[in-house]
Amino acid sequence: MTKLAVIYYSATGHGTAMAKTVVAAAEEAGAEVRLRHIAETRDPESFAQNPAWTANYEATKDLPAATGDDIVWADAVIFGTPTRFGSPASQFRTFIDSLGGLWAQGKLADKVYSAFTSSQTAHGGQETTLLALYITLMHFGGILVPPGYTDPLKFADGNPYGVSHITGPDNQNPIAEETTAALQHLARRVVTIAGRLGPADPG
């Protein structure tokens, strides 16, 4: 059975919803899944005026937070991060930057990786965020498994690099049907490819 870690950071909850969709599809595809959120690094008082951010923080703060051990355990990892100025969010980068010791031991290598993201606007840096993340995963020695256009539904979602959601300027846009379908396809594809490769060597 493929072991999949779904590790994400979410501020206003869209990433949380996307991660849960990935988890459900991966489990349906036969994977053993760990869902882990990346802990908030901002002081809650700094976003107290943002109801969505506060609500997501309260809903996730007591859940198990991601650690490097979740990646070591996994055969495959699907990351999620919002877009911040065309790059992964600082909270996500802080987590990634904490993995140097495991990287040095080779324990992040030879695993399947893919990712999803979100931004307020259609051209808000979604593709550059995914590509920036993938550069890091190349340093890990990871095996990148983007969705490409491996299913006709990708021509509706339109993102061959991963999956992306447009939250809207008020962060109220629900996740569209084509985005949900793309997330499900991404999960199935990652589980399938990881299964073909077999269990990852934990180093």
Protein backbone atom coordinates (compact mmCIF):
# COMPACT_ATOMS: atom_id res chain seq x y z
CA MET A 1 0.00 0.00 0.00
CA THR A 2 1.35 3.41 -0.98
CA LYS A 3 1.95 5.76 1.93
CA LEU A 4 1.00 9.33 1.06
CA ALA A 5 1.60 12.44 3.16
CA VAL A 6 -0.57 15.45 2.35
CA ILE A 7 1.21 18.41 3.91
CA TYR A 8 -0.18 21.90 3.50
CA TYR A 9 -0.32 25.41 4.88
CA SER A 10 -3.61 27.29 4.73
CA ALA A 11 -4.49 30.73 6.01
CA THR A 12 -8.13 31.27 5.11
CA GLY A 13 -9.20 27.64 4.71
CA HIS A 14 -9.08 27.05 0.97
CA GLY A 15 -5.94 24.96 1.30
CA THR A 16 -7.57 22.95 4.07
CA ALA A 17 -10.53 22.15 1.83
CA MET A 18 -8.24 21.26 -1.09
CA ALA A 19 -6.15 18.99 1.12
CA LYS A 20 -9.22 17.12 2.35
CA THR A 21 -10.31 16.54 -1.24
CA VAL A 22 -6.88 15.10 -2.06
CA VAL A 23 -7.00 12.84 1.00
CA ALA A 24 -10.42 11.42 0.14
CA ALA A 25 -9.41 10.65 -3.44
CA ALA A 26 -6.10 9.10 -2.38
CA GLU A 27 -7.75 6.86 0.17
CA GLU A 28 -10.29 5.80 -2.44
CA ALA A 29 -7.34 4.93 -4.69
CA GLY A 30 -6.01 2.63 -1.96
CA ALA A 31 -3.35 4.75 -0.26
CA GLU A 32 -2.61 5.03 3.43
CA VAL A 33 -2.74 8.77 4.03
CA ARG A 34 -1.42 11.18 6.63
CA LEU A 35 -2.97 14.65 6.55
CA ARG A 36 -0.80 17.26 8.25
CA HIS A 37 -1.14 21.03 8.36
CA ILE A 38 1.85 23.32 8.69
CA ALA A 39 1.60 25.24 11.95
CA GLU A 40 0.83 28.95 11.81
CA THR A 41 3.84 31.15 12.56
CA ARG A 42 1.97 34.44 12.75
CA ASP A 43 0.58 35.79 16.01
CA PRO A 44 -3.22 35.26 15.87
CA GLU A 45 -3.69 38.86 16.93
CA SER A 46 -2.08 39.95 13.66
CA PHE A 47 -4.94 38.45 11.62
CA ALA A 48 -7.76 38.90 14.13
CA GLN A 49 -9.56 41.21 11.70
CA ASN A 50 -9.72 38.45 9.07
CA PRO A 51 -12.62 36.12 10.02
CA ALA A 52 -11.71 33.39 7.53
CA TRP A 53 -8.09 33.26 8.68
CA THR A 54 -9.14 33.19 12.32
CA ALA A 55 -11.72 30.47 11.70
CA ASN A 56 -9.24 28.24 9.88
CA TYR A 57 -6.63 28.80 12.58
CA GLU A 58 -9.09 27.81 15.31
CA ALA A 59 -10.25 24.75 13.35
CA THR A 60 -6.73 23.40 12.75
CA LYS A 61 -4.49 24.63 15.59
CA ASP A 62 -4.98 21.51 17.73
CA LEU A 63 -4.58 19.01 14.88
CA PRO A 64 -1.26 17.19 14.37
CA ALA A 65 1.22 19.58 12.76
CA ALA A 66 3.55 18.48 9.98
CA THR A 67 7.08 17.37 10.80
CA GLY A 68 9.91 16.03 8.69
CA ASP A 69 9.09 12.55 9.99
CA ASP A 70 5.86 12.65 7.95
CA ILE A 71 7.93 12.95 4.77
CA VAL A 72 10.37 10.24 5.85
CA TRP A 73 7.40 7.93 6.49
CA ALA A 74 5.83 8.55 3.09
CA ASP A 75 6.40 7.05 -0.34
CA ALA A 76 4.78 10.13 -1.86
CA VAL A 77 4.04 13.68 -0.72
CA ILE A 78 1.52 16.21 -2.01
CA PHE A 79 2.25 19.70 -0.75
CA GLY A 80 -0.15 22.63 -0.62
CA THR A 81 0.59 26.31 -0.14
CA PRO A 82 -1.07 29.61 -0.95
CA THR A 83 0.66 31.95 -3.36
CA ARG A 84 2.45 34.90 -1.80
CA PHE A 85 3.91 37.33 -4.34
CA GLY A 86 4.42 34.48 -6.80
CA SER A 87 6.10 32.12 -4.31
CA PRO A 88 5.09 29.72 -1.52
CA ALA A 89 3.87 31.35 1.70
CA SER A 90 6.49 32.16 4.34
CA GLN A 91 4.90 29.72 6.78
CA PHE A 92 5.35 26.96 4.20
CA ARG A 93 8.94 28.01 3.46
CA THR A 94 9.74 28.00 7.19
CA PHE A 95 8.68 24.36 7.32
CA ILE A 96 10.67 23.47 4.20
CA ASP A 97 13.73 25.30 5.52
CA SER A 98 13.58 23.20 8.69
CA LEU A 99 14.26 20.02 6.71
CA GLY A 100 17.97 20.57 6.10
CA GLY A 101 19.08 17.80 8.42
CA LEU A 102 16.87 15.21 6.70
CA TRP A 103 17.99 16.48 3.30
CA ALA A 104 21.64 16.07 4.31
CA GLN A 105 20.92 12.46 5.29
CA GLY A 106 19.22 11.77 1.94
CA LYS A 107 15.91 11.01 3.63
CA LEU A 108 13.85 13.30 1.38
CA ALA A 109 15.08 11.75 -1.87
CA ASP A 110 13.49 9.18 -4.17
CA LYS A 111 9.93 9.99 -3.20
CA VAL A 112 7.11 11.11 -5.49
CA TYR A 113 6.14 14.76 -5.05
CA SER A 114 3.41 17.01 -6.41
CA ALA A 115 1.59 20.14 -5.24
CA PHE A 116 -1.44 22.44 -5.25
CA THR A 117 -1.85 26.15 -4.58
CA SER A 118 -4.32 29.04 -4.50
CA SER A 119 -4.31 32.79 -5.06
CA GLN A 120 -6.83 35.61 -5.11
CA THR A 121 -6.62 36.19 -8.86
CA ALA A 122 -6.30 34.09 -12.00
CA HIS A 123 -2.81 35.38 -12.75
CA GLY A 124 -1.67 35.80 -9.16
CA GLY A 125 1.45 33.67 -9.40
CA GLN A 126 -0.01 30.18 -9.17
CA GLU A 127 2.32 28.67 -11.76
CA THR A 128 5.43 30.39 -10.40
CA THR A 129 4.56 29.21 -6.89
CA LEU A 130 4.40 25.59 -8.04
CA LEU A 131 7.57 25.89 -10.11
CA ALA A 132 9.43 27.53 -7.21
CA LEU A 133 8.37 24.68 -4.95
CA TYR A 134 9.43 22.09 -7.52
CA ILE A 135 12.93 23.61 -7.67
CA THR A 136 13.25 22.83 -3.95
CA LEU A 137 11.99 19.30 -4.53
CA MET A 138 14.64 18.82 -7.20
CA HIS A 139 17.22 19.67 -4.53
CA PHE A 140 15.64 16.96 -2.40
CA GLY A 141 16.20 14.43 -5.20
CA GLY A 142 12.45 14.03 -5.46
CA ILE A 143 10.53 12.45 -8.33
CA LEU A 144 8.18 15.13 -9.65
CA VAL A 145 4.77 13.92 -10.81
CA PRO A 146 2.82 16.87 -12.20
CA PRO A 147 -0.61 16.17 -13.66
CA GLY A 148 0.30 17.52 -17.10
CA TYR A 149 -2.58 17.00 -19.50
CA THR A 150 -2.94 13.32 -18.66
CA ASP A 151 -6.73 13.53 -18.49
CA PRO A 152 -9.18 15.62 -20.56
CA LEU A 153 -10.36 17.33 -17.36
CA LYS A 154 -7.03 19.13 -17.21
CA PHE A 155 -8.09 21.21 -20.20
CA ALA A 156 -10.90 22.58 -18.02
CA ASP A 157 -8.71 23.21 -14.98
CA GLY A 158 -5.87 24.37 -17.25
CA ASN A 159 -2.90 23.84 -14.94
CA PRO A 160 -0.39 21.17 -16.01
CA TYR A 161 1.96 21.96 -13.12
CA GLY A 162 -0.35 20.99 -10.26
CA VAL A 163 -3.78 22.22 -9.18
CA SER A 164 -4.75 25.80 -8.38
CA HIS A 165 -7.78 27.57 -6.97
CA ILE A 166 -8.79 31.21 -7.38
CA THR A 167 -10.12 32.44 -4.04
CA GLY A 168 -11.33 35.84 -5.26
CA PRO A 169 -10.37 39.20 -3.74
CA ASP A 170 -12.70 38.62 -0.78
CA ASN A 171 -11.51 35.00 -0.33
CA GLN A 172 -15.09 33.78 -0.72
CA ASN A 173 -14.95 31.81 -3.98
CA PRO A 174 -15.96 28.17 -3.42
CA ILE A 175 -13.76 25.50 -4.96
CA ALA A 176 -15.03 24.94 -8.48
CA GLU A 177 -16.09 21.54 -9.82
CA GLU A 178 -13.21 21.47 -12.29
CA THR A 179 -10.75 22.22 -9.49
CA THR A 180 -12.18 19.42 -7.33
CA ALA A 181 -11.92 17.01 -10.27
CA ALA A 182 -8.33 18.13 -10.88
CA LEU A 183 -7.42 17.54 -7.22
CA GLN A 184 -8.93 14.06 -7.35
CA HIS A 185 -7.02 13.31 -10.55
CA LEU A 186 -3.78 14.57 -9.00
CA ALA A 187 -4.24 12.31 -5.98
CA ARG A 188 -4.97 9.26 -8.12
CA ARG A 189 -2.02 9.95 -10.40
CA VAL A 190 0.44 10.37 -7.54
CA VAL A 191 -0.78 7.20 -5.83
CA THR A 192 -0.62 5.24 -9.10
CA ILE A 193 2.91 6.36 -10.01
CA ALA A 194 4.20 5.88 -6.48
CA GLY A 195 2.70 2.38 -6.50
CA ARG A 196 4.54 1.53 -9.71
CA LEU A 197 7.83 2.71 -8.21
CA GLY A 198 7.33 0.78 -4.99
CA PRO A 199 8.10 1.80 -1.40
CA ALA A 200 10.57 4.63 -0.95
CA ASP A 201 13.82 3.85 0.84
CA PRO A 202 13.76 5.91 4.07
CA GLY A 203 17.52 6.38 3.83
